[in-house]
Amino acid sequence: MLKESLIAELEKIVGKEGLLASSEALRAYSYDGTTSWQHEPDVVVFPASASEISLILKFANRYKTPLLPKGEVQTSAEDLSPLTEA
């Protein structure tokens, strides 16, 4: 789970309208097109520019936060699940 301060930092990048963090809002992003994979993300961001994408990637690198990019059509997130080092 991301700390509130980190979520606030992401909100500064994408704005309030470009970030989902409530459990209710995240539920729609907790599964893919299959029935075998389900995981509620900590946060979902909607970057509106290449600059915002760059800042999000820098954020993820700085805090060692795994990312799962998702396009408009994606049937299986299993193949894209971020891995964390043990």
Foldseek 3Di string as FASTA:
>chain_A
DDDPVLQVVLCVLQNPVFKDADPVVQQVVQAAQDPPGGGRDRMGGDHDDPVSVVVVVVSCVVVVNDDQDDDPHDHHCVVRDDDDDD
